Amino acid sequence: MKEREAMVRAAGVGDEVATVGGVIGVIVAEEDENVVSLEVDTDVELRVQRRSIGEIISKAGEVDDGPDETDNED
């Protein structure tokens, strides 16, 4: 339980997160210690309770190791 609390407290502006309800977005603002704003689409923000964060998908500034499209030779 303490690991989850630490993860939730560590989430900050710029982090991509998923809520326990399945909403995925980027934290764009921290109203206070209990509420953050997630940008879930262009010009669409949701206010959520910090405790609803279930997972940090990526931290701000991390490089995405997604598929490398330069390997496609047609």
C-alpha atoms as a PDB file:
ATOM      1  CA  MET A   1       0.000   0.000   0.000  1.00  0.00           C
ATOM      2  CA  LYS A   2       2.832   2.422   0.780  1.00  0.00           C
ATOM      3  CA  GLU A   3       4.374   1.751  -2.670  1.00  0.00           C
ATOM      4  CA  ARG A   4       1.149   2.817  -4.374  1.00  0.00           C
ATOM      5  CA  GLU A   5       0.900   5.968  -2.227  1.00  0.00           C
ATOM      6  CA  ALA A   6       4.491   6.851  -3.103  1.00  0.00           C
ATOM      7  CA  MET A   7       3.795   6.311  -6.818  1.00  0.00           C
ATOM      8  CA  VAL A   8       0.706   8.532  -6.678  1.00  0.00           C
ATOM      9  CA  ARG A   9       2.622  11.285  -4.854  1.00  0.00           C
ATOM     10  CA  ALA A  10       5.483  11.009  -7.374  1.00  0.00           C
ATOM     11  CA  ALA A  11       3.214  11.648 -10.373  1.00  0.00           C
ATOM     12  CA  GLY A  12       3.766  15.156 -11.660  1.00  0.00           C
ATOM     13  CA  VAL A  13       3.162  17.563 -14.517  1.00  0.00           C
ATOM     14  CA  GLY A  14       4.130  16.011 -17.847  1.00  0.00           C
ATOM     15  CA  ASP A  15       3.701  12.406 -16.707  1.00  0.00           C
ATOM     16  CA  GLU A  16       1.417  10.163 -18.744  1.00  0.00           C
ATOM     17  CA  VAL A  17      -0.857   8.253 -16.385  1.00  0.00           C
ATOM     18  CA  ALA A  18      -3.771   5.846 -16.398  1.00  0.00           C
ATOM     19  CA  THR A  19      -6.536   6.133 -13.832  1.00  0.00           C
ATOM     20  CA  VAL A  20      -8.058   3.130 -12.114  1.00  0.00           C
ATOM     21  CA  GLY A  21     -11.115   3.751 -14.326  1.00  0.00           C
ATOM     22  CA  GLY A  22      -9.052   3.347 -17.489  1.00  0.00           C
ATOM     23  CA  VAL A  23      -8.699   7.004 -18.528  1.00  0.00           C
ATOM     24  CA  ILE A  24      -5.280   7.768 -20.018  1.00  0.00           C
ATOM     25  CA  GLY A  25      -3.886  11.289 -20.103  1.00  0.00           C
ATOM     26  CA  VAL A  26      -1.004  13.604 -19.347  1.00  0.00           C
ATOM     27  CA  ILE A  27      -0.919  15.590 -16.123  1.00  0.00           C
ATOM     28  CA  VAL A  28      -0.984  19.254 -17.132  1.00  0.00           C
ATOM     29  CA  ALA A  29      -1.688  20.881 -13.751  1.00  0.00           C
ATOM     30  CA  GLU A  30      -1.727  20.147 -10.042  1.00  0.00           C
ATOM     31  CA  GLU A  31      -4.510  22.078  -8.322  1.00  0.00           C
ATOM     32  CA  ASP A  32      -3.513  20.926  -4.858  1.00  0.00           C
ATOM     33  CA  GLU A  33      -2.202  17.788  -3.205  1.00  0.00           C
ATOM     34  CA  ASN A  34      -5.431  15.919  -3.997  1.00  0.00           C
ATOM     35  CA  VAL A  35      -6.503  17.037  -7.498  1.00  0.00           C
ATOM     36  CA  VAL A  36      -4.713  17.023 -10.867  1.00  0.00           C
ATOM     37  CA  SER A  37      -5.812  17.933 -14.381  1.00  0.00           C
ATOM     38  CA  LEU A  38      -5.279  15.391 -17.152  1.00  0.00           C
ATOM     39  CA  GLU A  39      -5.196  16.304 -20.819  1.00  0.00           C
ATOM     40  CA  VAL A  40      -6.929  13.371 -22.492  1.00  0.00           C
ATOM     41  CA  ASP A  41      -7.214  14.859 -25.999  1.00  0.00           C
ATOM     42  CA  THR A  42      -6.451  18.129 -27.729  1.00  0.00           C
ATOM     43  CA  ASP A  43      -8.087  20.885 -25.653  1.00  0.00           C
ATOM     44  CA  VAL A  44      -9.840  18.331 -23.403  1.00  0.00           C
ATOM     45  CA  GLU A  45      -8.897  18.290 -19.724  1.00  0.00           C
ATOM     46  CA  LEU A  46     -10.370  16.286 -16.877  1.00  0.00           C
ATOM     47  CA  ARG A  47      -9.988  17.076 -13.183  1.00  0.00           C
ATOM     48  CA  VAL A  48      -9.367  13.864 -11.253  1.00  0.00           C
ATOM     49  CA  GLN A  49      -8.488  12.974  -7.714  1.00  0.00           C
ATOM     50  CA  ARG A  50      -4.816  12.112  -7.426  1.00  0.00           C
ATOM     51  CA  ARG A  51      -5.732   8.882  -5.625  1.00  0.00           C
ATOM     52  CA  SER A  52      -7.483   7.699  -8.817  1.00  0.00           C
ATOM     53  CA  ILE A  53      -4.108   7.380 -10.585  1.00  0.00           C
ATOM     54  CA  GLY A  54      -3.498   3.678 -11.007  1.00  0.00           C
ATOM     55  CA  GLU A  55      -0.312   3.676 -13.083  1.00  0.00           C
ATOM     56  CA  ILE A  56       2.369   6.010 -14.377  1.00  0.00           C
ATOM     57  CA  ILE A  57       2.815   5.025 -18.022  1.00  0.00           C
ATOM     58  CA  SER A  58       5.781   7.311 -18.616  1.00  0.00           C
ATOM     59  CA  LYS A  59       7.522  10.031 -16.663  1.00  0.00           C
ATOM     60  CA  ALA A  60       7.997  13.498 -18.150  1.00  0.00           C
ATOM     61  CA  GLY A  61      11.103  13.641 -20.287  1.00  0.00           C
ATOM     62  CA  GLU A  62      11.426   9.891 -20.808  1.00  0.00           C
ATOM     63  CA  VAL A  63      12.139   8.719 -24.349  1.00  0.00           C
ATOM     64  CA  ASP A  64       9.468   6.451 -25.847  1.00  0.00           C
ATOM     65  CA  ASP A  65      10.978   3.129 -26.938  1.00  0.00           C
ATOM     66  CA  GLY A  66       8.162   2.427 -29.397  1.00  0.00           C
ATOM     67  CA  PRO A  67       8.575   0.724 -32.755  1.00  0.00           C
ATOM     68  CA  ASP A  68      11.286   2.084 -34.979  1.00  0.00           C
ATOM     69  CA  GLU A  69       9.647   2.904 -38.311  1.00  0.00           C
ATOM     70  CA  THR A  70      12.972   3.338 -40.110  1.00  0.00           C
ATOM     71  CA  ASP A  71      13.305  -0.464 -40.341  1.00  0.00           C
ATOM     72  CA  ASN A  72      10.466  -0.688 -42.894  1.00  0.00           C
ATOM     73  CA  GLU A  73      12.039  -1.230 -46.288  1.00  0.00           C
ATOM     74  CA  ASP A  74       9.462  -1.641 -49.047  1.00  0.00           C
END
